[in-house]
Amino acid sequence: MGTLHILQMVGVGLSATTLAALLRTRAPQFAMMVAFVAGIALLLMVLNSMDTVIQTLTQLAEAAKLDRNFLSTVLRIIGIAYIVEFAAQLARDAGEGALASKIELAGKVGIVVLAIPIVTDVIQALVHLLP
């Protein structure tokens, strides 16, 4: 992700923030829509640049001879964390703080469920090391 790409994302974010602030007093429903559309645009821009990160992590995992399932699980956990944070912030922007907390709770439970195989493998490895 180059400097130009980051500047584009910041530009989208600041433009949307300014437009939403101007609309908030006259048409709050449109201000929310501007924030939502800008958030989706920013998320897509970030996801577009994640391909390089995923390729690099895959190469490192192969070099370290890590199980592909491990890397896949870690990437899914990271994805859940980002998506949940995005959804919770949208709910907070809409004035739904309680709903945002429920979204975060659901994300945490999802992460724990995905992490169970990793924790199990670590515990089994430790058990085999003990006399």
C-alpha atoms as a PDB file:
ATOM      1  CA  MET A   1       0.000   0.000   0.000  1.00  0.00           C
ATOM      2  CA  GLY A   2       1.711   3.124  -1.201  1.00  0.00           C
ATOM      3  CA  THR A   3       1.548   6.662   0.088  1.00  0.00           C
ATOM      4  CA  LEU A   4      -0.766   7.660  -2.758  1.00  0.00           C
ATOM      5  CA  HIS A   5      -3.209   4.905  -1.821  1.00  0.00           C
ATOM      6  CA  ILE A   6      -3.256   6.028   1.815  1.00  0.00           C
ATOM      7  CA  LEU A   7      -3.776   9.644   0.768  1.00  0.00           C
ATOM      8  CA  GLN A   8      -6.716   8.557  -1.401  1.00  0.00           C
ATOM      9  CA  MET A   9      -8.288   6.750   1.556  1.00  0.00           C
ATOM     10  CA  VAL A  10      -7.743   9.743   3.842  1.00  0.00           C
ATOM     11  CA  GLY A  11      -9.236  12.006   1.169  1.00  0.00           C
ATOM     12  CA  VAL A  12     -12.348   9.845   0.886  1.00  0.00           C
ATOM     13  CA  GLY A  13     -12.678   9.742   4.662  1.00  0.00           C
ATOM     14  CA  LEU A  14     -12.252  13.475   5.182  1.00  0.00           C
ATOM     15  CA  SER A  15     -14.553  14.362   2.277  1.00  0.00           C
ATOM     16  CA  ALA A  16     -17.251  12.060   3.606  1.00  0.00           C
ATOM     17  CA  THR A  17     -16.795  13.431   7.122  1.00  0.00           C
ATOM     18  CA  THR A  18     -17.210  16.998   5.897  1.00  0.00           C
ATOM     19  CA  LEU A  19     -20.255  16.139   3.791  1.00  0.00           C
ATOM     20  CA  ALA A  20     -21.850  14.166   6.617  1.00  0.00           C
ATOM     21  CA  ALA A  21     -21.263  17.011   9.074  1.00  0.00           C
ATOM     22  CA  LEU A  22     -22.914  19.468   6.690  1.00  0.00           C
ATOM     23  CA  LEU A  23     -25.874  17.159   6.102  1.00  0.00           C
ATOM     24  CA  ARG A  24     -26.351  16.164   9.749  1.00  0.00           C
ATOM     25  CA  THR A  25     -28.257  19.329  10.680  1.00  0.00           C
ATOM     26  CA  ARG A  26     -30.546  19.396   7.613  1.00  0.00           C
ATOM     27  CA  ALA A  27     -30.929  15.761   6.589  1.00  0.00           C
ATOM     28  CA  PRO A  28     -29.551  13.370   9.207  1.00  0.00           C
ATOM     29  CA  GLN A  29     -30.684  10.285   7.259  1.00  0.00           C
ATOM     30  CA  PHE A  30     -28.495  11.338   4.320  1.00  0.00           C
ATOM     31  CA  ALA A  31     -25.572  12.040   6.633  1.00  0.00           C
ATOM     32  CA  MET A  32     -25.801   8.442   7.858  1.00  0.00           C
ATOM     33  CA  MET A  33     -25.935   7.163   4.282  1.00  0.00           C
ATOM     34  CA  VAL A  34     -22.852   9.211   3.316  1.00  0.00           C
ATOM     35  CA  ALA A  35     -20.962   7.747   6.268  1.00  0.00           C
ATOM     36  CA  PHE A  36     -22.106   4.229   5.379  1.00  0.00           C
ATOM     37  CA  VAL A  37     -21.159   4.503   1.690  1.00  0.00           C
ATOM     38  CA  ALA A  38     -17.799   6.066   2.535  1.00  0.00           C
ATOM     39  CA  GLY A  39     -17.155   3.307   5.071  1.00  0.00           C
ATOM     40  CA  ILE A  40     -17.904   0.633   2.494  1.00  0.00           C
ATOM     41  CA  ALA A  41     -15.668   2.398  -0.060  1.00  0.00           C
ATOM     42  CA  LEU A  42     -12.817   2.578   2.453  1.00  0.00           C
ATOM     43  CA  LEU A  43     -13.291  -1.066   3.417  1.00  0.00           C
ATOM     44  CA  LEU A  44     -13.109  -2.115  -0.240  1.00  0.00           C
ATOM     45  CA  MET A  45      -9.980  -0.016  -0.752  1.00  0.00           C
ATOM     46  CA  VAL A  46      -8.325  -1.690   2.229  1.00  0.00           C
ATOM     47  CA  LEU A  47      -9.383  -5.175   1.135  1.00  0.00           C
ATOM     48  CA  ASN A  48      -7.937  -4.502  -2.296  1.00  0.00           C
ATOM     49  CA  SER A  49      -4.535  -3.837  -0.768  1.00  0.00           C
ATOM     50  CA  MET A  50      -4.711  -6.866   1.561  1.00  0.00           C
ATOM     51  CA  ASP A  51      -3.794  -9.228  -1.283  1.00  0.00           C
ATOM     52  CA  THR A  52      -0.116  -8.351  -0.883  1.00  0.00           C
ATOM     53  CA  VAL A  53      -0.274  -8.944   2.870  1.00  0.00           C
ATOM     54  CA  ILE A  54      -1.926 -12.342   2.418  1.00  0.00           C
ATOM     55  CA  GLN A  55       0.647 -13.403  -0.181  1.00  0.00           C
ATOM     56  CA  THR A  56       3.510 -12.376   2.104  1.00  0.00           C
ATOM     57  CA  LEU A  57       2.035 -14.219   5.091  1.00  0.00           C
ATOM     58  CA  THR A  58       1.467 -17.307   2.950  1.00  0.00           C
ATOM     59  CA  GLN A  59       5.105 -17.270   1.816  1.00  0.00           C
ATOM     60  CA  LEU A  60       6.310 -16.870   5.412  1.00  0.00           C
ATOM     61  CA  ALA A  61       4.063 -19.712   6.586  1.00  0.00           C
ATOM     62  CA  GLU A  62       5.371 -21.991   3.825  1.00  0.00           C
ATOM     63  CA  ALA A  63       8.975 -21.080   4.675  1.00  0.00           C
ATOM     64  CA  ALA A  64       8.315 -21.858   8.345  1.00  0.00           C
ATOM     65  CA  LYS A  65       6.506 -25.077   7.346  1.00  0.00           C
ATOM     66  CA  LEU A  66       3.346 -24.034   9.155  1.00  0.00           C
ATOM     67  CA  ASP A  67       0.105 -25.862   8.526  1.00  0.00           C
ATOM     68  CA  ARG A  68      -2.068 -24.038   5.962  1.00  0.00           C
ATOM     69  CA  ASN A  69      -5.076 -24.459   8.255  1.00  0.00           C
ATOM     70  CA  PHE A  70      -3.280 -22.472  10.932  1.00  0.00           C
ATOM     71  CA  LEU A  71      -2.651 -19.522   8.606  1.00  0.00           C
ATOM     72  CA  SER A  72      -6.166 -19.729   7.214  1.00  0.00           C
ATOM     73  CA  THR A  73      -7.634 -19.640  10.713  1.00  0.00           C
ATOM     74  CA  VAL A  74      -5.476 -16.689  11.753  1.00  0.00           C
ATOM     75  CA  LEU A  75      -6.496 -14.750   8.627  1.00  0.00           C
ATOM     76  CA  ARG A  76     -10.170 -15.512   9.259  1.00  0.00           C
ATOM     77  CA  ILE A  77      -9.823 -14.321  12.856  1.00  0.00           C
ATOM     78  CA  ILE A  78      -8.231 -11.075  11.665  1.00  0.00           C
ATOM     79  CA  GLY A  79     -11.010 -10.674   9.097  1.00  0.00           C
ATOM     80  CA  ILE A  80     -13.700 -11.184  11.714  1.00  0.00           C
ATOM     81  CA  ALA A  81     -12.051  -8.635  13.991  1.00  0.00           C
ATOM     82  CA  TYR A  82     -11.981  -5.971  11.276  1.00  0.00           C
ATOM     83  CA  ILE A  83     -15.495  -6.634   9.992  1.00  0.00           C
ATOM     84  CA  VAL A  84     -16.942  -6.653  13.503  1.00  0.00           C
ATOM     85  CA  GLU A  85     -15.162  -3.402  14.352  1.00  0.00           C
ATOM     86  CA  PHE A  86     -16.511  -1.834  11.152  1.00  0.00           C
ATOM     87  CA  ALA A  87     -20.081  -2.990  11.852  1.00  0.00           C
ATOM     88  CA  ALA A  88     -19.937  -1.899  15.499  1.00  0.00           C
ATOM     89  CA  GLN A  89     -18.699   1.571  14.522  1.00  0.00           C
ATOM     90  CA  LEU A  90     -21.533   1.880  11.994  1.00  0.00           C
ATOM     91  CA  ALA A  91     -24.012   0.964  14.719  1.00  0.00           C
ATOM     92  CA  ARG A  92     -22.457   3.542  17.068  1.00  0.00           C
ATOM     93  CA  ASP A  93     -22.602   6.185  14.315  1.00  0.00           C
ATOM     94  CA  ALA A  94     -26.317   5.413  14.002  1.00  0.00           C
ATOM     95  CA  GLY A  95     -26.731   5.964  17.745  1.00  0.00           C
ATOM     96  CA  GLU A  96     -27.134   2.261  18.535  1.00  0.00           C
ATOM     97  CA  GLY A  97     -24.493   1.737  21.204  1.00  0.00           C
ATOM     98  CA  ALA A  98     -26.230  -1.289  22.718  1.00  0.00           C
ATOM     99  CA  LEU A  99     -26.444  -2.983  19.332  1.00  0.00           C
ATOM    100  CA  ALA A 100     -22.771  -2.199  18.707  1.00  0.00           C
ATOM    101  CA  SER A 101     -21.904  -4.014  21.934  1.00  0.00           C
ATOM    102  CA  LYS A 102     -23.912  -7.051  20.834  1.00  0.00           C
ATOM    103  CA  ILE A 103     -22.117  -7.071  17.464  1.00  0.00           C
ATOM    104  CA  GLU A 104     -18.768  -6.995  19.270  1.00  0.00           C
ATOM    105  CA  LEU A 105     -19.858  -9.847  21.555  1.00  0.00           C
ATOM    106  CA  ALA A 106     -20.881 -11.938  18.547  1.00  0.00           C
ATOM    107  CA  GLY A 107     -17.500 -11.272  16.945  1.00  0.00           C
ATOM    108  CA  LYS A 108     -15.634 -12.277  20.095  1.00  0.00           C
ATOM    109  CA  VAL A 109     -17.569 -15.533  20.295  1.00  0.00           C
ATOM    110  CA  GLY A 110     -16.828 -16.200  16.617  1.00  0.00           C
ATOM    111  CA  ILE A 111     -13.132 -15.610  17.213  1.00  0.00           C
ATOM    112  CA  VAL A 112     -13.087 -17.973  20.195  1.00  0.00           C
ATOM    113  CA  VAL A 113     -14.828 -20.672  18.152  1.00  0.00           C
ATOM    114  CA  LEU A 114     -12.283 -20.309  15.344  1.00  0.00           C
ATOM    115  CA  ALA A 115      -9.374 -20.299  17.803  1.00  0.00           C
ATOM    116  CA  ILE A 116     -10.339 -23.585  19.514  1.00  0.00           C
ATOM    117  CA  PRO A 117      -8.360 -25.806  17.086  1.00  0.00           C
ATOM    118  CA  ILE A 118      -5.257 -23.633  17.515  1.00  0.00           C
ATOM    119  CA  VAL A 119      -5.533 -23.721  21.314  1.00  0.00           C
ATOM    120  CA  THR A 120      -6.089 -27.485  21.183  1.00  0.00           C
ATOM    121  CA  ASP A 121      -2.974 -27.975  19.041  1.00  0.00           C
ATOM    122  CA  VAL A 122      -0.881 -25.841  21.404  1.00  0.00           C
ATOM    123  CA  ILE A 123      -2.102 -27.785  24.448  1.00  0.00           C
ATOM    124  CA  GLN A 124      -1.419 -31.127  22.733  1.00  0.00           C
ATOM    125  CA  ALA A 125       2.094 -29.975  21.836  1.00  0.00           C
ATOM    126  CA  LEU A 126       2.712 -28.958  25.448  1.00  0.00           C
ATOM    127  CA  VAL A 127       1.405 -32.284  26.746  1.00  0.00           C
ATOM    128  CA  HIS A 128       3.806 -34.155  24.457  1.00  0.00           C
ATOM    129  CA  LEU A 129       6.716 -32.091  25.746  1.00  0.00           C
ATOM    130  CA  LEU A 130       5.993 -32.890  29.383  1.00  0.00           C
ATOM    131  CA  PRO A 131       7.399 -36.112  30.875  1.00  0.00           C
END
